[in-house]
Amino acid sequence: MAQAAEQAALTTQAIIGDSEFDRDTAVTLREEGVYDAELSAGWTIMRAVNGGYLLALLGRALGQALPHRDPFSISAHYLTTSVPGPAVIRTGTVRTGRTLSTGQASLFQFADDGTEIERIRVLATYGDLDALTGDVRTSAKPPAIPPTAQCVGPGDGPAPIAGGSAITERLDIRLDPATVGWAVGAPSGKGEMRGWFGLADGRDPDPLSLLLTVDALPPTSFELGFRGWTPTVELTAHVRCRPAPGPLRVSLTTRNFAGGFLEEDAEVWDSADRLVAQSRQLARAPRS
């Protein structure tokens, strides 16, 4: 136990001093399987903590709790709205093997009377991305996005990219002009969003930050004519390989809105034209 606590302290010390993303997703080992965290107000969207940031936070805890360090697949159910402030993450090992390990984790916050409220619960499989073979057989192609100089950033146009959300200050997003009709009151109705993505402080992508990336662009619901917060109900992300340094390209699509809910599929491509992450989420459309 003492050795595990010492290792966790060294890990936390190494994280502090890196990018804001690393500092704000840091976790501190309290006891075996239990980690303390602080949800930063800097990653909020309309006062709610962003789901991708939460996924990365739990992903970091599981990476410390499991014998394997890289997220391969992680599925999250968002149970209640997370808010900035202290949180506790409780992890558990489901199975360990030679090449893969599976764990579960839940994030809790506290009500005014001190009772714990579960915010998000995940089940994840971890492995070693560096051990994957180089055999790739795919029909997938990177999205066609204009150069960044021709794309739309937070300071362009009559409206900020994410509607006055704090998270936009920590992201470097440049949207394809073909997917920003919503910003001028003329949504395309196609349910598409594409753009270049990076962290504002220049931190290069890694498997953990990819968990943020899949849920960081404005939602496709904007191009369907909806405005406002689009809360995630469930999100599953797959990390396919370790990303190369440099900006990412992200493509989001929605094919079916029905009954007040929509799916959103994400593809993330790195600077070497490799598909490094995929995700699908079910989200509730904004209430009018």
C-alpha atoms as a PDB file:
ATOM      1  CA  MET A   1       0.000   0.000   0.000  1.00  0.00           C
ATOM      2  CA  ALA A   2       2.782   2.439   0.919  1.00  0.00           C
ATOM      3  CA  GLN A   3       4.596   1.676  -2.337  1.00  0.00           C
ATOM      4  CA  ALA A   4       1.405   2.305  -4.351  1.00  0.00           C
ATOM      5  CA  ALA A   5       0.810   5.616  -2.578  1.00  0.00           C
ATOM      6  CA  GLU A   6       4.430   6.675  -3.211  1.00  0.00           C
ATOM      7  CA  GLN A   7       4.136   5.807  -6.893  1.00  0.00           C
ATOM      8  CA  ALA A   8       0.848   7.745  -7.163  1.00  0.00           C
ATOM      9  CA  ALA A   9       2.466  10.780  -5.539  1.00  0.00           C
ATOM     10  CA  LEU A  10       5.354  10.650  -8.015  1.00  0.00           C
ATOM     11  CA  THR A  11       2.896  10.328 -10.905  1.00  0.00           C
ATOM     12  CA  THR A  12       0.898  13.306  -9.692  1.00  0.00           C
ATOM     13  CA  GLN A  13       4.086  15.327  -9.242  1.00  0.00           C
ATOM     14  CA  ALA A  14       5.095  14.520 -12.824  1.00  0.00           C
ATOM     15  CA  ILE A  15       1.686  15.611 -14.105  1.00  0.00           C
ATOM     16  CA  ILE A  16       1.711  18.946 -12.289  1.00  0.00           C
ATOM     17  CA  GLY A  17       3.645  21.434 -14.365  1.00  0.00           C
ATOM     18  CA  ASP A  18       2.536  19.972 -17.700  1.00  0.00           C
ATOM     19  CA  SER A  19      -0.411  21.401 -19.599  1.00  0.00           C
ATOM     20  CA  GLU A  20      -3.624  22.644 -18.048  1.00  0.00           C
ATOM     21  CA  PHE A  21      -5.330  19.491 -19.286  1.00  0.00           C
ATOM     22  CA  ASP A  22      -2.866  17.342 -17.338  1.00  0.00           C
ATOM     23  CA  ARG A  23      -3.191  19.419 -14.190  1.00  0.00           C
ATOM     24  CA  ASP A  24      -6.987  19.427 -14.349  1.00  0.00           C
ATOM     25  CA  THR A  25      -7.235  15.669 -14.905  1.00  0.00           C
ATOM     26  CA  ALA A  26      -4.784  14.805 -12.132  1.00  0.00           C
ATOM     27  CA  VAL A  27      -6.002  12.323  -9.521  1.00  0.00           C
ATOM     28  CA  THR A  28      -4.593  11.594  -6.072  1.00  0.00           C
ATOM     29  CA  LEU A  29      -4.622   8.100  -4.600  1.00  0.00           C
ATOM     30  CA  ARG A  30      -6.450   8.087  -1.268  1.00  0.00           C
ATOM     31  CA  GLU A  31      -6.456   4.319  -0.749  1.00  0.00           C
ATOM     32  CA  GLU A  32      -6.393   1.306  -3.013  1.00  0.00           C
ATOM     33  CA  GLY A  33      -8.899   1.873  -5.833  1.00  0.00           C
ATOM     34  CA  VAL A  34     -10.037   5.292  -4.556  1.00  0.00           C
ATOM     35  CA  TYR A  35      -8.859   8.611  -5.997  1.00  0.00           C
ATOM     36  CA  ASP A  36      -9.587  12.221  -5.145  1.00  0.00           C
ATOM     37  CA  ALA A  37     -10.073  14.746  -7.952  1.00  0.00           C
ATOM     38  CA  GLU A  38     -11.084  18.362  -8.451  1.00  0.00           C
ATOM     39  CA  LEU A  39     -13.419  19.101 -11.373  1.00  0.00           C
ATOM     40  CA  SER A  40     -12.221  22.346 -12.904  1.00  0.00           C
ATOM     41  CA  ALA A  41     -14.634  25.109 -13.890  1.00  0.00           C
ATOM     42  CA  GLY A  42     -12.395  25.668 -16.911  1.00  0.00           C
ATOM     43  CA  TRP A  43     -13.909  22.690 -18.738  1.00  0.00           C
ATOM     44  CA  THR A  44     -17.578  23.614 -18.463  1.00  0.00           C
ATOM     45  CA  ILE A  45     -20.212  24.040 -21.151  1.00  0.00           C
ATOM     46  CA  MET A  46     -23.141  26.149 -20.030  1.00  0.00           C
ATOM     47  CA  ARG A  47     -22.138  25.542 -16.383  1.00  0.00           C
ATOM     48  CA  ALA A  48     -21.993  21.724 -16.781  1.00  0.00           C
ATOM     49  CA  VAL A  49     -18.635  19.919 -16.839  1.00  0.00           C
ATOM     50  CA  ASN A  50     -17.836  18.612 -20.330  1.00  0.00           C
ATOM     51  CA  GLY A  51     -18.372  14.885 -20.832  1.00  0.00           C
ATOM     52  CA  GLY A  52     -15.094  14.336 -22.703  1.00  0.00           C
ATOM     53  CA  TYR A  53     -13.130  15.982 -19.901  1.00  0.00           C
ATOM     54  CA  LEU A  54     -14.875  13.696 -17.394  1.00  0.00           C
ATOM     55  CA  LEU A  55     -14.076  10.673 -19.552  1.00  0.00           C
ATOM     56  CA  ALA A  56     -10.399  11.643 -19.594  1.00  0.00           C
ATOM     57  CA  LEU A  57     -10.405  12.136 -15.822  1.00  0.00           C
ATOM     58  CA  LEU A  58     -11.794   8.666 -15.163  1.00  0.00           C
ATOM     59  CA  GLY A  59      -9.534   7.331 -17.899  1.00  0.00           C
ATOM     60  CA  ARG A  60      -6.498   8.647 -16.012  1.00  0.00           C
ATOM     61  CA  ALA A  61      -7.651   6.996 -12.776  1.00  0.00           C
ATOM     62  CA  LEU A  62      -8.186   3.658 -14.505  1.00  0.00           C
ATOM     63  CA  GLY A  63      -4.790   3.950 -16.182  1.00  0.00           C
ATOM     64  CA  GLN A  64      -3.237   4.139 -12.719  1.00  0.00           C
ATOM     65  CA  ALA A  65      -5.420   1.412 -11.198  1.00  0.00           C
ATOM     66  CA  LEU A  66      -5.037  -1.234 -13.948  1.00  0.00           C
ATOM     67  CA  PRO A  67      -1.878  -3.113 -14.974  1.00  0.00           C
ATOM     68  CA  HIS A  68      -2.229  -1.774 -18.536  1.00  0.00           C
ATOM     69  CA  ARG A  69      -2.013   1.970 -19.144  1.00  0.00           C
ATOM     70  CA  ASP A  70      -3.623   2.745 -22.512  1.00  0.00           C
ATOM     71  CA  PRO A  71      -7.411   2.998 -22.990  1.00  0.00           C
ATOM     72  CA  PHE A  72      -8.614   0.782 -25.835  1.00  0.00           C
ATOM     73  CA  SER A  73     -12.379   0.987 -25.275  1.00  0.00           C
ATOM     74  CA  ILE A  74     -14.285   2.966 -22.673  1.00  0.00           C
ATOM     75  CA  SER A  75     -18.065   3.209 -22.278  1.00  0.00           C
ATOM     76  CA  ALA A  76     -19.604   5.825 -20.018  1.00  0.00           C
ATOM     77  CA  HIS A  77     -23.125   6.402 -18.752  1.00  0.00           C
ATOM     78  CA  TYR A  78     -23.728   9.965 -17.584  1.00  0.00           C
ATOM     79  CA  LEU A  79     -26.122   9.634 -14.655  1.00  0.00           C
ATOM     80  CA  THR A  80     -26.346  13.178 -13.259  1.00  0.00           C
ATOM     81  CA  THR A  81     -24.863  16.528 -14.218  1.00  0.00           C
ATOM     82  CA  SER A  82     -21.329  17.065 -12.917  1.00  0.00           C
ATOM     83  CA  VAL A  83     -20.381  20.469 -11.527  1.00  0.00           C
ATOM     84  CA  PRO A  84     -17.030  22.074 -10.698  1.00  0.00           C
ATOM     85  CA  GLY A  85     -15.638  21.067  -7.323  1.00  0.00           C
ATOM     86  CA  PRO A  86     -14.277  18.063  -5.420  1.00  0.00           C
ATOM     87  CA  ALA A  87     -15.029  14.515  -6.553  1.00  0.00           C
ATOM     88  CA  VAL A  88     -14.144  10.955  -5.630  1.00  0.00           C
ATOM     89  CA  ILE A  89     -13.415   8.228  -8.179  1.00  0.00           C
ATOM     90  CA  ARG A  90     -13.854   4.615  -7.097  1.00  0.00           C
ATOM     91  CA  THR A  91     -12.272   2.007  -9.366  1.00  0.00           C
ATOM     92  CA  GLY A  92     -12.416  -1.758  -9.538  1.00  0.00           C
ATOM     93  CA  THR A  93     -10.652  -4.447 -11.560  1.00  0.00           C
ATOM     94  CA  VAL A  94     -12.989  -6.742 -13.483  1.00  0.00           C
ATOM     95  CA  ARG A  95     -10.397  -8.906 -15.215  1.00  0.00           C
ATOM     96  CA  THR A  96      -6.690  -8.885 -16.000  1.00  0.00           C
ATOM     97  CA  GLY A  97      -4.935 -10.783 -18.773  1.00  0.00           C
ATOM     98  CA  ARG A  98      -1.621 -10.794 -20.562  1.00  0.00           C
ATOM     99  CA  THR A  99      -2.518  -8.195 -23.200  1.00  0.00           C
ATOM    100  CA  LEU A 100      -5.723  -6.602 -21.910  1.00  0.00           C
ATOM    101  CA  SER A 101      -7.270  -5.640 -18.592  1.00  0.00           C
ATOM    102  CA  THR A 102     -10.811  -4.497 -17.859  1.00  0.00           C
ATOM    103  CA  GLY A 103     -11.898  -2.186 -15.079  1.00  0.00           C
ATOM    104  CA  GLN A 104     -14.810  -0.101 -13.938  1.00  0.00           C
ATOM    105  CA  ALA A 105     -14.978   3.316 -12.300  1.00  0.00           C
ATOM    106  CA  SER A 106     -17.571   5.709 -10.935  1.00  0.00           C
ATOM    107  CA  LEU A 107     -17.235   9.396 -10.142  1.00  0.00           C
ATOM    108  CA  PHE A 108     -19.094  10.787  -7.141  1.00  0.00           C
ATOM    109  CA  GLN A 109     -19.744  14.295  -5.884  1.00  0.00           C
ATOM    110  CA  PHE A 110     -21.368  15.460  -2.683  1.00  0.00           C
ATOM    111  CA  ALA A 111     -24.782  16.920  -1.920  1.00  0.00           C
ATOM    112  CA  ASP A 112     -25.179  19.729   0.599  1.00  0.00           C
ATOM    113  CA  ASP A 113     -25.941  17.171   3.312  1.00  0.00           C
ATOM    114  CA  GLY A 114     -22.726  15.279   2.550  1.00  0.00           C
ATOM    115  CA  THR A 115     -24.269  12.301   0.764  1.00  0.00           C
ATOM    116  CA  GLU A 116     -22.522  11.010  -2.357  1.00  0.00           C
ATOM    117  CA  ILE A 117     -24.151  11.419  -5.753  1.00  0.00           C
ATOM    118  CA  GLU A 118     -22.923   9.222  -8.591  1.00  0.00           C
ATOM    119  CA  ARG A 119     -22.299  11.342 -11.680  1.00  0.00           C
ATOM    120  CA  ILE A 120     -20.797   8.962 -14.236  1.00  0.00           C
ATOM    121  CA  ARG A 121     -20.034   5.245 -14.439  1.00  0.00           C
ATOM    122  CA  VAL A 122     -17.631   3.643 -16.912  1.00  0.00           C
ATOM    123  CA  LEU A 123     -16.508   0.191 -18.006  1.00  0.00           C
ATOM    124  CA  ALA A 124     -13.213   0.121 -19.889  1.00  0.00           C
ATOM    125  CA  THR A 125     -10.639  -2.171 -21.461  1.00  0.00           C
ATOM    126  CA  TYR A 126      -6.967  -1.165 -21.375  1.00  0.00           C
ATOM    127  CA  GLY A 127      -3.882  -2.489 -23.143  1.00  0.00           C
ATOM    128  CA  ASP A 128      -0.577  -1.425 -24.678  1.00  0.00           C
ATOM    129  CA  LEU A 129      -0.986   0.611 -27.882  1.00  0.00           C
ATOM    130  CA  ASP A 130       2.722   0.271 -28.647  1.00  0.00           C
ATOM    131  CA  ALA A 131       2.296  -3.506 -28.860  1.00  0.00           C
ATOM    132  CA  LEU A 132      -0.257  -3.338 -31.700  1.00  0.00           C
ATOM    133  CA  THR A 133       0.735  -4.636 -35.117  1.00  0.00           C
ATOM    134  CA  GLY A 134       1.147  -2.286 -38.068  1.00  0.00           C
ATOM    135  CA  ASP A 135      -1.377  -4.206 -40.198  1.00  0.00           C
ATOM    136  CA  VAL A 136      -4.103  -1.717 -41.239  1.00  0.00           C
ATOM    137  CA  ARG A 137      -6.868  -2.573 -43.713  1.00  0.00           C
ATOM    138  CA  THR A 138      -9.439   0.184 -43.941  1.00  0.00           C
ATOM    139  CA  SER A 139     -11.815   1.935 -46.296  1.00  0.00           C
ATOM    140  CA  ALA A 140     -11.984   4.969 -43.987  1.00  0.00           C
ATOM    141  CA  LYS A 141     -10.559   8.247 -45.289  1.00  0.00           C
ATOM    142  CA  PRO A 142      -9.636  11.450 -43.453  1.00  0.00           C
ATOM    143  CA  PRO A 143     -12.288  14.185 -43.673  1.00  0.00           C
ATOM    144  CA  ALA A 144     -11.723  16.896 -46.265  1.00  0.00           C
ATOM    145  CA  ILE A 145     -11.278  20.081 -44.220  1.00  0.00           C
ATOM    146  CA  PRO A 146      -9.907  23.368 -45.579  1.00  0.00           C
ATOM    147  CA  PRO A 147      -6.570  24.634 -44.230  1.00  0.00           C
ATOM    148  CA  THR A 148      -6.797  26.182 -40.774  1.00  0.00           C
ATOM    149  CA  ALA A 149      -6.425  29.707 -42.186  1.00  0.00           C
ATOM    150  CA  GLN A 150      -9.678  29.182 -44.094  1.00  0.00           C
ATOM    151  CA  CYS A 151     -11.582  27.718 -41.140  1.00  0.00           C
ATOM    152  CA  VAL A 152     -13.660  29.441 -38.462  1.00  0.00           C
ATOM    153  CA  GLY A 153     -12.154  30.038 -35.009  1.00  0.00           C
ATOM    154  CA  PRO A 154     -13.636  31.356 -31.740  1.00  0.00           C
ATOM    155  CA  GLY A 155     -12.983  34.979 -32.691  1.00  0.00           C
ATOM    156  CA  ASP A 156     -14.593  34.758 -36.127  1.00  0.00           C
ATOM    157  CA  GLY A 157     -18.210  35.488 -36.967  1.00  0.00           C
ATOM    158  CA  PRO A 158     -21.012  36.874 -34.845  1.00  0.00           C
ATOM    159  CA  ALA A 159     -21.032  34.076 -32.246  1.00  0.00           C
ATOM    160  CA  PRO A 160     -18.398  32.144 -30.237  1.00  0.00           C
ATOM    161  CA  ILE A 161     -17.973  28.514 -31.183  1.00  0.00           C
ATOM    162  CA  ALA A 162     -19.437  27.056 -28.000  1.00  0.00           C
ATOM    163  CA  GLY A 163     -21.835  29.747 -26.847  1.00  0.00           C
ATOM    164  CA  GLY A 164     -19.798  31.458 -24.137  1.00  0.00           C
ATOM    165  CA  SER A 165     -18.485  28.277 -22.533  1.00  0.00           C
ATOM    166  CA  ALA A 166     -15.285  28.293 -20.472  1.00  0.00           C
ATOM    167  CA  ILE A 167     -13.928  25.241 -22.295  1.00  0.00           C
ATOM    168  CA  THR A 168     -13.398  27.247 -25.507  1.00  0.00           C
ATOM    169  CA  GLU A 169     -10.495  29.078 -23.856  1.00  0.00           C
ATOM    170  CA  ARG A 170      -8.630  25.773 -23.443  1.00  0.00           C
ATOM    171  CA  LEU A 171      -9.197  24.441 -26.952  1.00  0.00           C
ATOM    172  CA  ASP A 172      -7.883  25.425 -30.361  1.00  0.00           C
ATOM    173  CA  ILE A 173     -10.758  24.535 -32.673  1.00  0.00           C
ATOM    174  CA  ARG A 174     -11.009  25.653 -36.297  1.00  0.00           C
ATOM    175  CA  LEU A 175     -14.297  24.602 -37.869  1.00  0.00           C
ATOM    176  CA  ASP A 176     -14.951  23.811 -41.514  1.00  0.00           C
ATOM    177  CA  PRO A 177     -16.984  26.791 -42.821  1.00  0.00           C
ATOM    178  CA  ALA A 178     -19.429  24.305 -44.394  1.00  0.00           C
ATOM    179  CA  THR A 179     -20.527  23.252 -40.889  1.00  0.00           C
ATOM    180  CA  VAL A 180     -21.004  26.621 -39.160  1.00  0.00           C
ATOM    181  CA  GLY A 181     -24.255  27.828 -40.695  1.00  0.00           C
ATOM    182  CA  TRP A 182     -25.781  27.590 -37.220  1.00  0.00           C
ATOM    183  CA  ALA A 183     -23.531  30.454 -36.058  1.00  0.00           C
ATOM    184  CA  VAL A 184     -25.255  32.885 -38.452  1.00  0.00           C
ATOM    185  CA  GLY A 185     -28.777  31.509 -38.058  1.00  0.00           C
ATOM    186  CA  ALA A 186     -28.633  29.308 -41.160  1.00  0.00           C
ATOM    187  CA  PRO A 187     -28.051  25.684 -40.071  1.00  0.00           C
ATOM    188  CA  SER A 188     -27.546  23.255 -42.950  1.00  0.00           C
ATOM    189  CA  GLY A 189     -29.816  20.547 -41.521  1.00  0.00           C
ATOM    190  CA  LYS A 190     -27.177  17.931 -42.408  1.00  0.00           C
ATOM    191  CA  GLY A 191     -26.090  17.000 -38.870  1.00  0.00           C
ATOM    192  CA  GLU A 192     -22.374  17.386 -39.605  1.00  0.00           C
ATOM    193  CA  MET A 193     -19.509  19.094 -37.782  1.00  0.00           C
ATOM    194  CA  ARG A 194     -15.866  19.050 -38.891  1.00  0.00           C
ATOM    195  CA  GLY A 195     -12.759  20.857 -37.790  1.00  0.00           C
ATOM    196  CA  TRP A 196      -9.150  20.987 -36.713  1.00  0.00           C
ATOM    197  CA  PHE A 197      -8.589  20.326 -33.018  1.00  0.00           C
ATOM    198  CA  GLY A 198      -5.813  20.920 -30.520  1.00  0.00           C
ATOM    199  CA  LEU A 199      -5.300  22.093 -26.961  1.00  0.00           C
ATOM    200  CA  ALA A 200      -4.792  25.856 -26.685  1.00  0.00           C
ATOM    201  CA  ASP A 201      -1.517  25.506 -24.786  1.00  0.00           C
ATOM    202  CA  GLY A 202       0.000  23.424 -27.583  1.00  0.00           C
ATOM    203  CA  ARG A 203       0.091  20.089 -25.741  1.00  0.00           C
ATOM    204  CA  ASP A 204       0.380  17.252 -28.261  1.00  0.00           C
ATOM    205  CA  PRO A 205      -2.363  14.616 -28.323  1.00  0.00           C
ATOM    206  CA  ASP A 206      -2.036  11.296 -26.534  1.00  0.00           C
ATOM    207  CA  PRO A 207      -4.457   8.414 -25.839  1.00  0.00           C
ATOM    208  CA  LEU A 208      -5.896  10.165 -22.784  1.00  0.00           C
ATOM    209  CA  SER A 209      -6.558  13.488 -24.502  1.00  0.00           C
ATOM    210  CA  LEU A 210      -8.321  11.627 -27.325  1.00  0.00           C
ATOM    211  CA  LEU A 211     -11.066  10.850 -24.798  1.00  0.00           C
ATOM    212  CA  LEU A 212     -11.634  14.602 -24.553  1.00  0.00           C
ATOM    213  CA  THR A 213     -11.341  15.143 -28.306  1.00  0.00           C
ATOM    214  CA  VAL A 214     -14.277  12.905 -29.251  1.00  0.00           C
ATOM    215  CA  ASP A 215     -16.648  15.138 -27.258  1.00  0.00           C
ATOM    216  CA  ALA A 216     -15.084  18.588 -27.661  1.00  0.00           C
ATOM    217  CA  LEU A 217     -16.482  20.066 -30.888  1.00  0.00           C
ATOM    218  CA  PRO A 218     -19.847  21.851 -30.975  1.00  0.00           C
ATOM    219  CA  PRO A 219     -22.616  19.245 -31.261  1.00  0.00           C
ATOM    220  CA  THR A 220     -24.130  18.265 -34.588  1.00  0.00           C
ATOM    221  CA  SER A 221     -27.490  19.278 -33.137  1.00  0.00           C
ATOM    222  CA  PHE A 222     -26.517  22.901 -33.897  1.00  0.00           C
ATOM    223  CA  GLU A 223     -26.510  22.137 -37.627  1.00  0.00           C
ATOM    224  CA  LEU A 224     -29.868  20.375 -37.189  1.00  0.00           C
ATOM    225  CA  GLY A 225     -31.336  23.675 -36.020  1.00  0.00           C
ATOM    226  CA  PHE A 226     -31.186  23.178 -32.242  1.00  0.00           C
ATOM    227  CA  ARG A 227     -29.427  25.556 -29.863  1.00  0.00           C
ATOM    228  CA  GLY A 228     -28.390  24.986 -26.282  1.00  0.00           C
ATOM    229  CA  TRP A 229     -26.841  22.245 -24.202  1.00  0.00           C
ATOM    230  CA  THR A 230     -26.970  18.740 -25.721  1.00  0.00           C
ATOM    231  CA  PRO A 231     -26.377  16.423 -22.733  1.00  0.00           C
ATOM    232  CA  THR A 232     -24.725  13.063 -23.349  1.00  0.00           C
ATOM    233  CA  VAL A 233     -26.604  10.004 -22.110  1.00  0.00           C
ATOM    234  CA  GLU A 234     -24.027   7.359 -23.100  1.00  0.00           C
ATOM    235  CA  LEU A 235     -20.679   7.539 -24.902  1.00  0.00           C
ATOM    236  CA  THR A 236     -18.363   4.772 -26.086  1.00  0.00           C
ATOM    237  CA  ALA A 237     -14.882   5.688 -27.338  1.00  0.00           C
ATOM    238  CA  HIS A 238     -12.304   3.483 -29.047  1.00  0.00           C
ATOM    239  CA  VAL A 239      -8.641   4.511 -29.123  1.00  0.00           C
ATOM    240  CA  ARG A 240      -7.091   2.814 -32.165  1.00  0.00           C
ATOM    241  CA  CYS A 241      -3.443   3.906 -31.977  1.00  0.00           C
ATOM    242  CA  ARG A 242      -1.133   6.398 -30.322  1.00  0.00           C
ATOM    243  CA  PRO A 243      -1.528   9.738 -32.165  1.00  0.00           C
ATOM    244  CA  ALA A 244       1.361  11.499 -33.863  1.00  0.00           C
ATOM    245  CA  PRO A 245       2.249  15.019 -32.671  1.00  0.00           C
ATOM    246  CA  GLY A 246       0.381  17.885 -34.269  1.00  0.00           C
ATOM    247  CA  PRO A 247      -3.210  18.967 -34.877  1.00  0.00           C
ATOM    248  CA  LEU A 248      -6.066  16.500 -35.161  1.00  0.00           C
ATOM    249  CA  ARG A 249      -8.951  16.438 -37.617  1.00  0.00           C
ATOM    250  CA  VAL A 250     -12.348  15.594 -36.181  1.00  0.00           C
ATOM    251  CA  SER A 251     -15.508  14.660 -38.042  1.00  0.00           C
ATOM    252  CA  LEU A 252     -18.916  14.339 -36.333  1.00  0.00           C
ATOM    253  CA  THR A 253     -22.068  13.041 -38.008  1.00  0.00           C
ATOM    254  CA  THR A 254     -25.654  12.425 -36.973  1.00  0.00           C
ATOM    255  CA  ARG A 255     -27.951  10.398 -39.218  1.00  0.00           C
ATOM    256  CA  ASN A 256     -31.019  10.006 -37.048  1.00  0.00           C
ATOM    257  CA  PHE A 257     -32.833  12.377 -34.713  1.00  0.00           C
ATOM    258  CA  ALA A 258     -35.966  10.806 -33.243  1.00  0.00           C
ATOM    259  CA  GLY A 259     -37.991  11.074 -30.069  1.00  0.00           C
ATOM    260  CA  GLY A 260     -35.857  13.884 -28.692  1.00  0.00           C
ATOM    261  CA  PHE A 261     -32.584  11.931 -28.944  1.00  0.00           C
ATOM    262  CA  LEU A 262     -29.800  11.737 -31.509  1.00  0.00           C
ATOM    263  CA  GLU A 263     -26.675   9.677 -32.070  1.00  0.00           C
ATOM    264  CA  GLU A 264     -23.346  11.307 -32.827  1.00  0.00           C
ATOM    265  CA  ASP A 265     -20.481   9.417 -34.447  1.00  0.00           C
ATOM    266  CA  ALA A 266     -16.962  10.833 -34.205  1.00  0.00           C
ATOM    267  CA  GLU A 267     -13.772  10.063 -36.095  1.00  0.00           C
ATOM    268  CA  VAL A 268     -10.423  11.532 -35.050  1.00  0.00           C
ATOM    269  CA  TRP A 269      -7.463  11.582 -37.467  1.00  0.00           C
ATOM    270  CA  ASP A 270      -3.905  12.509 -36.585  1.00  0.00           C
ATOM    271  CA  SER A 271      -1.268  14.444 -38.547  1.00  0.00           C
ATOM    272  CA  ALA A 272      -0.048  11.181 -40.122  1.00  0.00           C
ATOM    273  CA  ASP A 273      -3.506  10.542 -41.656  1.00  0.00           C
ATOM    274  CA  ARG A 274      -4.282   7.694 -39.273  1.00  0.00           C
ATOM    275  CA  LEU A 275      -7.682   7.057 -37.712  1.00  0.00           C
ATOM    276  CA  VAL A 276      -6.658   7.262 -34.049  1.00  0.00           C
ATOM    277  CA  ALA A 277     -10.036   7.342 -32.270  1.00  0.00           C
ATOM    278  CA  GLN A 278     -13.704   6.682 -32.895  1.00  0.00           C
ATOM    279  CA  SER A 279     -16.781   7.151 -30.755  1.00  0.00           C
ATOM    280  CA  ARG A 280     -20.548   6.972 -30.723  1.00  0.00           C
ATOM    281  CA  GLN A 281     -22.772   8.692 -28.227  1.00  0.00           C
ATOM    282  CA  LEU A 282     -26.466   8.997 -27.537  1.00  0.00           C
ATOM    283  CA  ALA A 283     -27.473  12.520 -26.600  1.00  0.00           C
ATOM    284  CA  ARG A 284     -30.656  14.349 -25.707  1.00  0.00           C
ATOM    285  CA  ALA A 285     -31.530  17.187 -28.034  1.00  0.00           C
ATOM    286  CA  PRO A 286     -31.801  20.607 -26.408  1.00  0.00           C
ATOM    287  CA  ARG A 287     -35.239  21.345 -25.058  1.00  0.00           C
ATOM    288  CA  SER A 288     -36.858  24.260 -26.855  1.00  0.00           C
END
